[in-house]
Amino acid sequence: MDFAATLEEQLRRLIGETIQVATDNNLLEGQLTDVEDGTIELLAGAGGYERETRTVLIPLAAVNFIREL
């Protein structure tokens, strides 16, 4: 069984949910909007006092952990 394919399959079940993704340099929190071709697409808040959101693309190879909130 291919772990990467299994992980993508599990993540697709979480589309629309709020998740937390940790990489070596960032801890991001936002709504999972898409998973394909080894990449997570997350709609994350800009942080601070801003009310804007941004789309963040994260390669699965860069992910240390993912947590559903």
Protein backbone atom coordinates (compact mmCIF):
# COMPACT_ATOMS: atom_id res chain seq x y z
CA MET A 1 0.00 0.00 0.00
CA ASP A 2 1.34 3.43 -0.99
CA PHE A 3 1.40 5.74 2.06
CA ALA A 4 1.27 8.97 0.01
CA ALA A 5 -1.84 7.81 -1.85
CA THR A 6 -3.45 6.70 1.41
CA LEU A 7 -2.69 10.04 3.06
CA GLU A 8 -4.19 11.97 0.14
CA GLU A 9 -7.29 9.77 0.33
CA GLN A 10 -7.68 10.46 4.06
CA LEU A 11 -7.15 14.19 3.56
CA ARG A 12 -9.81 14.34 0.84
CA ARG A 13 -12.30 13.26 3.49
CA LEU A 14 -11.39 16.40 5.46
CA ILE A 15 -12.03 18.90 2.65
CA GLY A 16 -14.08 21.74 4.09
CA GLU A 17 -12.84 21.07 7.64
CA THR A 18 -10.47 23.25 9.66
CA ILE A 19 -7.04 21.69 10.06
CA GLN A 20 -3.64 22.60 11.42
CA VAL A 21 -0.55 21.81 9.32
CA ALA A 22 3.00 21.95 10.65
CA THR A 23 6.08 22.21 8.45
CA ASP A 24 9.68 22.81 9.49
CA ASN A 25 9.13 26.60 9.44
CA ASN A 26 5.40 27.20 9.84
CA LEU A 27 2.32 26.23 11.77
CA LEU A 28 -0.70 26.98 9.59
CA GLU A 29 -4.37 26.75 10.45
CA GLY A 30 -7.22 27.02 7.98
CA GLN A 31 -9.88 25.32 5.92
CA LEU A 32 -8.72 22.48 3.71
CA THR A 33 -9.95 23.25 0.20
CA ASP A 34 -8.18 20.71 -2.04
CA VAL A 35 -5.71 17.83 -2.08
CA GLU A 36 -4.13 16.69 -5.34
CA ASP A 37 -0.80 15.74 -6.89
CA GLY A 38 0.97 15.67 -3.52
CA THR A 39 -0.14 19.18 -2.54
CA ILE A 40 -2.50 20.49 0.15
CA GLU A 41 -4.47 23.67 -0.55
CA LEU A 42 -5.43 25.56 2.59
CA LEU A 43 -7.50 28.74 2.99
CA ALA A 44 -5.71 30.37 5.92
CA GLY A 45 -6.15 33.66 7.78
CA ALA A 46 -3.47 36.27 7.16
CA GLY A 47 -2.90 36.61 10.91
CA GLY A 48 -2.73 39.55 13.24
CA TYR A 49 -5.56 42.06 12.99
CA GLU A 50 -6.18 41.46 9.30
CA ARG A 51 -9.43 39.79 8.30
CA GLU A 52 -8.14 38.66 4.92
CA THR A 53 -7.56 35.06 3.94
CA ARG A 54 -4.95 33.65 1.62
CA THR A 55 -4.60 30.41 -0.27
CA VAL A 56 -1.57 28.43 0.84
CA LEU A 57 -0.17 25.50 -1.15
CA ILE A 58 1.83 23.01 0.91
CA PRO A 59 3.67 20.04 -0.60
CA LEU A 60 2.92 16.85 1.34
CA ALA A 61 6.67 16.17 1.43
CA ALA A 62 7.10 19.32 3.59
CA VAL A 63 4.43 18.34 6.16
CA ASN A 64 5.50 17.24 9.65
CA PHE A 65 1.99 16.70 11.00
CA ILE A 66 -1.66 17.43 10.26
CA ARG A 67 -4.32 17.80 12.93
CA GLU A 68 -8.06 18.17 12.52
CA LEU A 69 -9.47 20.96 14.70
